[in-house]
C-alpha atoms as a PDB file:
ATOM      1  CA  MET A   1     100.422  59.502 176.530  1.00  0.00           C
ATOM      2  CA  SER A   2     101.534  62.791 174.727  1.00  0.00           C
ATOM      3  CA  PHE A   3     104.072  64.339 176.933  1.00  0.00           C
ATOM      4  CA  ILE A   4     106.198  62.539 179.974  1.00  0.00           C
ATOM      5  CA  ILE A   5     108.510  64.089 181.976  1.00  0.00           C
ATOM      6  CA  LYS A   6     110.497  62.499 184.550  1.00  0.00           C
ATOM      7  CA  ASP A   7     112.811  63.968 187.357  1.00  0.00           C
ATOM      8  CA  LEU A   8     113.088  66.936 185.128  1.00  0.00           C
ATOM      9  CA  SER A   9     114.953  70.072 186.952  1.00  0.00           C
ATOM     10  CA  TYR A  10     116.633  73.008 185.558  1.00  0.00           C
ATOM     11  CA  ILE A  11     119.286  75.043 187.190  1.00  0.00           C
ATOM     12  CA  HIS A  12     120.272  78.879 185.861  1.00  0.00           C
ATOM     13  CA  ALA A  13     123.874  79.602 185.042  1.00  0.00           C
ATOM     14  CA  ASP A  14     124.129  81.426 188.172  1.00  0.00           C
ATOM     15  CA  LYS A  15     123.298  78.127 190.196  1.00  0.00           C
ATOM     16  CA  GLU A  16     119.453  79.324 190.830  1.00  0.00           C
ATOM     17  CA  ILE A  17     117.020  76.338 190.973  1.00  0.00           C
ATOM     18  CA  LEU A  18     114.161  77.098 188.712  1.00  0.00           C
ATOM     19  CA  PHE A  19     112.376  74.055 189.455  1.00  0.00           C
ATOM     20  CA  SER A  20     113.633  70.485 190.350  1.00  0.00           C
ATOM     21  CA  HIS A  21     112.482  66.712 190.292  1.00  0.00           C
ATOM     22  CA  LEU A  22     109.633  67.643 188.220  1.00  0.00           C
ATOM     23  CA  HIS A  23     107.688  64.765 187.174  1.00  0.00           C
ATOM     24  CA  LEU A  24     104.260  65.015 184.919  1.00  0.00           C
ATOM     25  CA  SER A  25     102.312  63.520 182.128  1.00  0.00           C
ATOM     26  CA  ILE A  26     100.092  64.581 179.665  1.00  0.00           C
ATOM     27  CA  ASN A  27      97.543  62.562 177.641  1.00  0.00           C
ATOM     28  CA  SER A  28      96.883  62.714 174.190  1.00  0.00           C
ATOM     29  CA  GLY A  29      93.987  64.993 173.793  1.00  0.00           C
ATOM     30  CA  ASP A  30      94.312  67.216 176.927  1.00  0.00           C
ATOM     31  CA  LYS A  31      94.064  70.595 176.444  1.00  0.00           C
ATOM     32  CA  ILE A  32      96.090  72.232 179.482  1.00  0.00           C
ATOM     33  CA  ALA A  33      96.654  75.970 180.780  1.00  0.00           C
ATOM     34  CA  LEU A  34     100.048  76.449 182.469  1.00  0.00           C
ATOM     35  CA  THR A  35      99.850  80.060 184.391  1.00  0.00           C
ATOM     36  CA  GLY A  36     101.816  81.739 186.985  1.00  0.00           C
ATOM     37  CA  ASN A  37     103.875  84.790 188.039  1.00  0.00           C
ATOM     38  CA  ASN A  38     106.248  86.221 185.754  1.00  0.00           C
ATOM     39  CA  GLY A  39     110.222  84.610 186.123  1.00  0.00           C
ATOM     40  CA  CYS A  40     108.897  81.567 187.723  1.00  0.00           C
ATOM     41  CA  GLY A  41     109.754  79.228 184.713  1.00  0.00           C
ATOM     42  CA  LYS A  42     106.863  78.551 182.774  1.00  0.00           C
ATOM     43  CA  SER A  43     108.502  79.382 179.257  1.00  0.00           C
ATOM     44  CA  THR A  44     111.467  77.420 180.562  1.00  0.00           C
ATOM     45  CA  LEU A  45     109.378  74.742 180.844  1.00  0.00           C
ATOM     46  CA  MET A  46     107.798  74.709 177.673  1.00  0.00           C
ATOM     47  CA  ARG A  47     111.142  75.306 175.753  1.00  0.00           C
ATOM     48  CA  ILE A  48     111.901  72.043 177.395  1.00  0.00           C
ATOM     49  CA  LEU A  49     109.143  70.287 176.105  1.00  0.00           C
ATOM     50  CA  ALA A  50     109.565  71.560 172.904  1.00  0.00           C
ATOM     51  CA  GLY A  51     113.201  70.299 172.716  1.00  0.00           C
ATOM     52  CA  ASP A  52     114.303  73.836 172.244  1.00  0.00           C
ATOM     53  CA  LEU A  53     116.365  73.961 175.561  1.00  0.00           C
ATOM     54  CA  SER A  54     118.222  71.248 177.425  1.00  0.00           C
ATOM     55  CA  PRO A  55     117.056  70.154 181.149  1.00  0.00           C
ATOM     56  CA  SER A  56     119.730  70.388 183.702  1.00  0.00           C
ATOM     57  CA  SER A  57     118.618  66.619 184.695  1.00  0.00           C
ATOM     58  CA  GLY A  58     115.839  64.506 183.821  1.00  0.00           C
ATOM     59  CA  THR A  59     113.928  63.060 180.765  1.00  0.00           C
ATOM     60  CA  VAL A  60     111.199  64.156 178.589  1.00  0.00           C
ATOM     61  CA  LEU A  61     109.100  62.196 176.031  1.00  0.00           C
ATOM     62  CA  ARG A  62     107.246  64.154 173.595  1.00  0.00           C
ATOM     63  CA  PRO A  63     104.971  63.526 170.292  1.00  0.00           C
ATOM     64  CA  GLU A  64     106.801  63.500 167.177  1.00  0.00           C
ATOM     65  CA  HIS A  65     104.330  65.612 165.193  1.00  0.00           C
ATOM     66  CA  LEU A  66     104.830  68.749 167.451  1.00  0.00           C
ATOM     67  CA  TYR A  67     104.588  72.475 166.453  1.00  0.00           C
ATOM     68  CA  TYR A  68     105.712  75.561 169.108  1.00  0.00           C
ATOM     69  CA  VAL A  69     104.746  78.875 169.052  1.00  0.00           C
ATOM     70  CA  PRO A  70     107.003  81.152 171.100  1.00  0.00           C
ATOM     71  CA  GLN A  71     106.280  84.277 173.040  1.00  0.00           C
ATOM     72  CA  HIS A  72     109.074  86.357 171.174  1.00  0.00           C
ATOM     73  CA  PHE A  73     110.206  85.955 167.571  1.00  0.00           C
ATOM     74  CA  GLY A  74     113.491  87.912 167.069  1.00  0.00           C
ATOM     75  CA  GLN A  75     115.515  85.248 166.046  1.00  0.00           C
ATOM     76  CA  TYR A  76     113.054  84.876 163.099  1.00  0.00           C
ATOM     77  CA  ASP A  77     113.909  88.348 161.817  1.00  0.00           C
ATOM     78  CA  ARG A  78     116.623  86.738 159.441  1.00  0.00           C
ATOM     79  CA  GLN A  79     114.138  84.172 157.704  1.00  0.00           C
ATOM     80  CA  THR A  80     111.381  84.474 155.201  1.00  0.00           C
ATOM     81  CA  ILE A  81     108.167  83.422 156.347  1.00  0.00           C
ATOM     82  CA  ALA A  82     108.348  80.164 154.308  1.00  0.00           C
ATOM     83  CA  GLN A  83     111.545  79.586 156.443  1.00  0.00           C
ATOM     84  CA  ALA A  84     109.884  80.469 159.743  1.00  0.00           C
ATOM     85  CA  LEU A  85     106.749  78.061 159.217  1.00  0.00           C
ATOM     86  CA  GLY A  86     109.087  75.264 158.057  1.00  0.00           C
ATOM     87  CA  ILE A  87     108.000  74.591 154.561  1.00  0.00           C
ATOM     88  CA  SER A  88     110.749  76.922 152.593  1.00  0.00           C
ATOM     89  CA  HIS A  89     112.369  73.312 151.705  1.00  0.00           C
ATOM     90  CA  LYS A  90     108.939  71.853 150.130  1.00  0.00           C
ATOM     91  CA  LEU A  91     108.875  75.120 148.241  1.00  0.00           C
ATOM     92  CA  SER A  92     112.177  75.175 146.641  1.00  0.00           C
ATOM     93  CA  ALA A  93     111.650  71.466 145.460  1.00  0.00           C
ATOM     94  CA  LEU A  94     108.077  72.197 143.932  1.00  0.00           C
ATOM     95  CA  HIS A  95     109.356  75.239 142.198  1.00  0.00           C
ATOM     96  CA  ALA A  96     112.363  73.066 140.982  1.00  0.00           C
ATOM     97  CA  ILE A  97     110.246  70.718 139.661  1.00  0.00           C
ATOM     98  CA  LEU A  98     107.832  73.308 138.254  1.00  0.00           C
ATOM     99  CA  SER A  99     110.876  74.499 136.374  1.00  0.00           C
ATOM    100  CA  GLY A 100     111.509  70.906 134.692  1.00  0.00           C
ATOM    101  CA  ASP A 101     114.320  69.591 136.952  1.00  0.00           C
ATOM    102  CA  ALA A 102     112.942  66.021 137.721  1.00  0.00           C
ATOM    103  CA  THR A 103     115.626  65.265 140.352  1.00  0.00           C
ATOM    104  CA  GLU A 104     114.545  62.162 142.409  1.00  0.00           C
ATOM    105  CA  LYS A 105     115.679  64.524 145.821  1.00  0.00           C
ATOM    106  CA  HIS A 106     112.693  67.137 144.959  1.00  0.00           C
ATOM    107  CA  PHE A 107     109.933  64.574 144.884  1.00  0.00           C
ATOM    108  CA  ASN A 108     111.135  63.188 148.010  1.00  0.00           C
ATOM    109  CA  THR A 109     111.774  66.463 149.714  1.00  0.00           C
ATOM    110  CA  LEU A 110     108.063  67.454 148.035  1.00  0.00           C
ATOM    111  CA  ASN A 111     106.972  64.318 149.810  1.00  0.00           C
ATOM    112  CA  ASP A 112     103.651  64.573 147.394  1.00  0.00           C
ATOM    113  CA  ASP A 113     102.926  67.844 149.319  1.00  0.00           C
ATOM    114  CA  TRP A 114     102.041  69.612 146.053  1.00  0.00           C
ATOM    115  CA  ASN A 115      99.315  71.915 147.517  1.00  0.00           C
ATOM    116  CA  VAL A 116     101.614  73.263 150.208  1.00  0.00           C
ATOM    117  CA  GLU A 117     101.602  76.628 148.818  1.00  0.00           C
ATOM    118  CA  GLU A 118      98.080  76.949 148.320  1.00  0.00           C
ATOM    119  CA  ARG A 119      97.420  75.564 151.936  1.00  0.00           C
ATOM    120  CA  ALA A 120      99.943  77.796 153.531  1.00  0.00           C
ATOM    121  CA  GLN A 121      98.681  80.900 151.839  1.00  0.00           C
ATOM    122  CA  THR A 122      95.202  80.096 152.419  1.00  0.00           C
ATOM    123  CA  SER A 123      96.293  79.405 156.427  1.00  0.00           C
ATOM    124  CA  LEU A 124      98.121  83.058 156.105  1.00  0.00           C
ATOM    125  CA  ASP A 125      94.829  84.788 154.418  1.00  0.00           C
ATOM    126  CA  SER A 126      92.400  83.071 157.292  1.00  0.00           C
ATOM    127  CA  TRP A 127      94.390  84.794 159.641  1.00  0.00           C
ATOM    128  CA  GLY A 128      93.736  88.051 158.133  1.00  0.00           C
ATOM    129  CA  LEU A 129      97.323  88.211 156.580  1.00  0.00           C
ATOM    130  CA  ASP A 130      95.788  88.734 152.894  1.00  0.00           C
ATOM    131  CA  GLY A 131      98.530  88.836 150.257  1.00  0.00           C
ATOM    132  CA  ILE A 132     101.458  88.646 152.655  1.00  0.00           C
ATOM    133  CA  PRO A 133     103.795  86.664 150.466  1.00  0.00           C
ATOM    134  CA  LEU A 134     105.431  83.609 152.043  1.00  0.00           C
ATOM    135  CA  SER A 135     109.047  85.153 150.682  1.00  0.00           C
ATOM    136  CA  ARG A 136     108.818  88.083 152.503  1.00  0.00           C
ATOM    137  CA  PRO A 137     111.025  88.552 155.610  1.00  0.00           C
ATOM    138  CA  MET A 138     109.745  88.143 158.900  1.00  0.00           C
ATOM    139  CA  GLU A 139     111.838  91.422 159.983  1.00  0.00           C
ATOM    140  CA  GLY A 140     109.479  94.456 160.144  1.00  0.00           C
ATOM    141  CA  LEU A 141     106.297  92.796 160.636  1.00  0.00           C
ATOM    142  CA  SER A 142     104.553  93.700 163.594  1.00  0.00           C
ATOM    143  CA  GLY A 143     104.192  91.436 166.557  1.00  0.00           C
ATOM    144  CA  GLY A 144     100.399  90.786 166.354  1.00  0.00           C
ATOM    145  CA  GLU A 145     101.747  89.619 162.264  1.00  0.00           C
ATOM    146  CA  LYS A 146     104.081  87.559 163.514  1.00  0.00           C
ATOM    147  CA  THR A 147     101.828  85.790 166.040  1.00  0.00           C
ATOM    148  CA  ARG A 148      99.147  85.358 163.399  1.00  0.00           C
ATOM    149  CA  ILE A 149     101.927  83.526 160.995  1.00  0.00           C
ATOM    150  CA  PHE A 150     103.073  81.151 163.496  1.00  0.00           C
ATOM    151  CA  LEU A 151      99.324  80.303 164.744  1.00  0.00           C
ATOM    152  CA  ALA A 152      98.553  80.153 160.693  1.00  0.00           C
ATOM    153  CA  GLY A 153     101.266  77.257 160.996  1.00  0.00           C
ATOM    154  CA  MET A 154      98.857  75.468 163.259  1.00  0.00           C
ATOM    155  CA  GLU A 155      96.344  74.508 160.597  1.00  0.00           C
ATOM    156  CA  LEU A 156      98.896  74.548 157.923  1.00  0.00           C
ATOM    157  CA  HIS A 157     101.036  71.368 159.865  1.00  0.00           C
ATOM    158  CA  ASN A 158      97.749  69.952 161.636  1.00  0.00           C
ATOM    159  CA  PRO A 159     100.264  68.720 164.518  1.00  0.00           C
ATOM    160  CA  THR A 160      99.287  66.128 167.259  1.00  0.00           C
ATOM    161  CA  ALA A 161     100.228  68.382 169.892  1.00  0.00           C
ATOM    162  CA  ILE A 162     100.710  72.489 170.031  1.00  0.00           C
ATOM    163  CA  LEU A 163     102.463  74.426 172.682  1.00  0.00           C
ATOM    164  CA  LEU A 164     101.721  78.053 172.808  1.00  0.00           C
ATOM    165  CA  ASP A 165     103.648  80.451 174.744  1.00  0.00           C
ATOM    166  CA  GLU A 166     101.205  83.827 175.597  1.00  0.00           C
ATOM    167  CA  PRO A 167      99.647  83.284 172.141  1.00  0.00           C
ATOM    168  CA  THR A 168      97.259  86.271 172.746  1.00  0.00           C
ATOM    169  CA  ASN A 169      99.827  88.617 173.640  1.00  0.00           C
ATOM    170  CA  TYR A 170      99.528  90.888 170.242  1.00  0.00           C
ATOM    171  CA  LEU A 171      96.030  89.693 168.987  1.00  0.00           C
ATOM    172  CA  ASP A 172      92.653  91.707 168.837  1.00  0.00           C
ATOM    173  CA  ALA A 173      89.526  90.491 169.747  1.00  0.00           C
ATOM    174  CA  ASP A 174      88.921  88.837 166.720  1.00  0.00           C
ATOM    175  CA  GLY A 175      92.088  86.928 166.466  1.00  0.00           C
ATOM    176  CA  ARG A 176      91.650  85.994 170.197  1.00  0.00           C
ATOM    177  CA  GLU A 177      88.275  84.445 169.351  1.00  0.00           C
ATOM    178  CA  ARG A 178      89.691  82.886 166.233  1.00  0.00           C
ATOM    179  CA  LEU A 179      92.134  81.238 168.711  1.00  0.00           C
ATOM    180  CA  TYR A 180      89.772  79.855 171.383  1.00  0.00           C
ATOM    181  CA  ASN A 181      87.832  78.309 168.615  1.00  0.00           C
ATOM    182  CA  LEU A 182      90.777  76.701 166.929  1.00  0.00           C
ATOM    183  CA  ILE A 183      91.465  75.094 170.622  1.00  0.00           C
ATOM    184  CA  ARG A 184      88.174  73.799 171.039  1.00  0.00           C
ATOM    185  CA  ARG A 185      87.997  72.357 167.546  1.00  0.00           C
ATOM    186  CA  THR A 186      91.444  70.527 167.273  1.00  0.00           C
ATOM    187  CA  SER A 187      91.736  67.172 168.714  1.00  0.00           C
ATOM    188  CA  ALA A 188      95.609  67.681 169.305  1.00  0.00           C
ATOM    189  CA  THR A 189      97.049  68.140 172.482  1.00  0.00           C
ATOM    190  CA  VAL A 190      97.089  71.615 173.365  1.00  0.00           C
ATOM    191  CA  LEU A 191      99.595  73.282 176.217  1.00  0.00           C
ATOM    192  CA  VAL A 192      99.175  76.808 176.674  1.00  0.00           C
ATOM    193  CA  ILE A 193     100.778  79.634 178.732  1.00  0.00           C
ATOM    194  CA  SER A 194      98.713  82.633 179.369  1.00  0.00           C
ATOM    195  CA  HIS A 195      98.736  85.687 182.336  1.00  0.00           C
ATOM    196  CA  ASP A 196      95.122  86.845 181.050  1.00  0.00           C
ATOM    197  CA  ARG A 197      92.775  85.648 183.717  1.00  0.00           C
ATOM    198  CA  THR A 198      89.841  87.429 182.866  1.00  0.00           C
ATOM    199  CA  GLU A 199      89.297  86.576 178.929  1.00  0.00           C
ATOM    200  CA  SER A 200      92.195  84.731 178.392  1.00  0.00           C
ATOM    201  CA  VAL A 201      92.805  81.056 176.422  1.00  0.00           C
ATOM    202  CA  ALA A 202      93.619  79.794 179.877  1.00  0.00           C
ATOM    203  CA  CYS A 203      89.838  80.408 181.170  1.00  0.00           C
ATOM    204  CA  HIS A 204      88.552  78.447 178.097  1.00  0.00           C
ATOM    205  CA  LEU A 205      90.891  75.344 178.419  1.00  0.00           C
ATOM    206  CA  ARG A 206      89.459  75.248 182.113  1.00  0.00           C
ATOM    207  CA  THR A 207      86.101  74.707 180.925  1.00  0.00           C
ATOM    208  CA  LEU A 208      87.145  71.923 178.651  1.00  0.00           C
ATOM    209  CA  LEU A 209      89.195  69.432 180.068  1.00  0.00           C
ATOM    210  CA  PRO A 210      91.764  69.368 183.264  1.00  0.00           C
ATOM    211  CA  GLY A 211      94.462  71.868 183.566  1.00  0.00           C
ATOM    212  CA  ILE A 212      97.503  72.235 185.581  1.00  0.00           C
ATOM    213  CA  ASP A 213      97.953  75.633 187.512  1.00  0.00           C
ATOM    214  CA  VAL A 214     101.432  76.013 188.101  1.00  0.00           C
ATOM    215  CA  LEU A 215     101.703  79.125 190.493  1.00  0.00           C
ATOM    216  CA  GLN A 216     105.029  80.571 192.844  1.00  0.00           C
ATOM    217  CA  ARG A 217     105.757  78.361 195.611  1.00  0.00           C
ATOM    218  CA  LYS A 218     102.492  75.651 194.618  1.00  0.00           C
ATOM    219  CA  LEU A 219     101.769  73.181 192.215  1.00  0.00           C
ATOM    220  CA  ARG A 220      98.101  72.418 192.001  1.00  0.00           C
ATOM    221  CA  LEU A 221      95.759  70.338 189.599  1.00  0.00           C
ATOM    222  CA  LEU A 222      92.774  71.736 188.535  1.00  0.00           C
ATOM    223  CA  GLN A 223      90.054  69.051 187.545  1.00  0.00           C
ATOM    224  CA  LYS A 224      86.632  69.212 185.493  1.00  0.00           C
ATOM    225  CA  THR A 225      83.937  67.771 187.344  1.00  0.00           C
ATOM    226  CA  GLU A 226      79.955  68.179 186.715  1.00  0.00           C
ATOM    227  CA  GLY A 227      80.257  71.516 188.138  1.00  0.00           C
ATOM    228  CA  PRO A 228      82.798  74.172 188.314  1.00  0.00           C
ATOM    229  CA  ALA A 229      86.575  73.257 188.369  1.00  0.00           C
ATOM    230  CA  THR A 230      88.077  72.203 191.666  1.00  0.00           C
ATOM    231  CA  GLU A 231      91.581  72.720 193.091  1.00  0.00           C
ATOM    232  CA  SER A 232      93.590  70.835 194.714  1.00  0.00           C
ATOM    233  CA  PRO A 233      96.378  72.671 196.458  1.00  0.00           C
ATOM    234  CA  TYR A 234      99.977  71.637 197.230  1.00  0.00           C
ATOM    235  CA  PRO A 235     101.192  74.407 199.525  1.00  0.00           C
ATOM    236  CA  THR A 236     105.145  74.277 199.564  1.00  0.00           C
ATOM    237  CA  THR A 237     107.361  74.166 202.567  1.00  0.00           C
ATOM    238  CA  GLY A 238     110.262  76.647 201.766  1.00  0.00           C
ATOM    239  CA  ARG A 239     111.484  76.530 198.015  1.00  0.00           C
ATOM    240  CA  GLU A 240     110.136  72.822 197.759  1.00  0.00           C
ATOM    241  CA  ALA A 241     106.581  71.505 197.005  1.00  0.00           C
ATOM    242  CA  GLU A 242     104.811  67.993 197.967  1.00  0.00           C
ATOM    243  CA  SER A 243     104.440  65.538 195.604  1.00  0.00           C
ATOM    244  CA  PRO A 244     100.786  65.096 194.921  1.00  0.00           C
ATOM    245  CA  ALA A 245      98.340  61.922 194.825  1.00  0.00           C
ATOM    246  CA  PRO A 246      97.557  60.903 191.516  1.00  0.00           C
ATOM    247  CA  CYS A 247      94.071  62.554 190.244  1.00  0.00           C
ATOM    248  CA  THR A 248      91.555  60.458 188.056  1.00  0.00           C
ATOM    249  CA  GLN A 249      89.001  62.321 185.863  1.00  0.00           C
ATOM    250  CA  SER A 250      85.940  60.259 185.823  1.00  0.00           C
ATOM    251  CA  GLY A 251      87.443  57.213 185.911  1.00  0.00           C
ATOM    252  CA  THR A 252      87.980  57.647 182.286  1.00  0.00           C
ATOM    253  CA  ARG A 253      91.593  59.158 182.449  1.00  0.00           C
ATOM    254  CA  SER A 254      94.255  59.920 184.877  1.00  0.00           C
ATOM    255  CA  ARG A 255      97.330  62.408 185.125  1.00  0.00           C
ATOM    256  CA  ARG A 256      99.876  61.830 187.895  1.00  0.00           C
ATOM    257  CA  THR A 257     101.523  65.462 188.758  1.00  0.00           C
ATOM    258  CA  GLU A 258     104.111  65.645 191.130  1.00  0.00           C
ATOM    259  CA  GLY A 259     106.541  68.032 191.975  1.00  0.00           C
ATOM    260  CA  GLN A 260     109.325  69.358 194.380  1.00  0.00           C
ATOM    261  CA  THR A 261     109.618  72.619 193.014  1.00  0.00           C
ATOM    262  CA  GLU A 262     109.667  76.419 194.078  1.00  0.00           C
ATOM    263  CA  CYS A 263     107.712  76.803 190.818  1.00  0.00           C
ATOM    264  CA  ALA A 264     106.943  74.614 188.268  1.00  0.00           C
ATOM    265  CA  GLY A 265     107.075  76.106 185.823  1.00  0.00           C
ATOM    266  CA  ARG A 266     109.580  75.325 168.328  1.00  0.00           C
ATOM    267  CA  LYS A 267     110.229  72.411 167.841  1.00  0.00           C
ATOM    268  CA  LYS A 268     109.275  73.626 164.532  1.00  0.00           C
ATOM    269  CA  LEU A 269     107.923  71.315 162.053  1.00  0.00           C
ATOM    270  CA  HIS A 270     110.123  70.593 159.241  1.00  0.00           C
END
């Protein structure tokens, strides 16, 4: 398993229950689309999965090599691109060694990643950010540039699991197509939030592997078959959703999604 959620609940400070007693397992290598109305808890659930937010109750087991691309980037404005990408410590160690400081701690920090600077710049260039130095502050960059920086981090870090919160918001057509291709190629587990239902990441994910579609007052499982994806809705009663039965894909992989929810819905690499 890549993610295992057990009895997860989140209650706002004003006592509003966003979701409660949520159970979910996501297999390694799955590509999942998480969609739904604004305010229903998608980003909150993803932040909990990323380890950026603590749930009110319940537990989350997550893969160690995890990369999270948030929806908003203002919290990184005081950081450089290298800091936002989580490689500033390696760059400092590398430059210290190249300047003649052979302190053991620098070699331990670098961990034989001698081409980290070159790889980072190549990743940025591949996302159309040619010539932007890693030392540049995030503040002042456009939303599209910030998004591309974090998407470049996926290739830089090569994680085993990727969380993407509205990654196409600031991307042009070329950027979206590059993202679609990356998702098609990667062997990593991918969980994406998207509102765009016409030409979205979510649509591409549904055509590849099973997906979870979380809508207000409904939790349902989308399962890939030989034909079009099928949906098994689980309507709610009042503010709670019923727990669906296990679902098996072609006898090779199973996923259980159970929820009692009004709307079920970076751990950045260092």
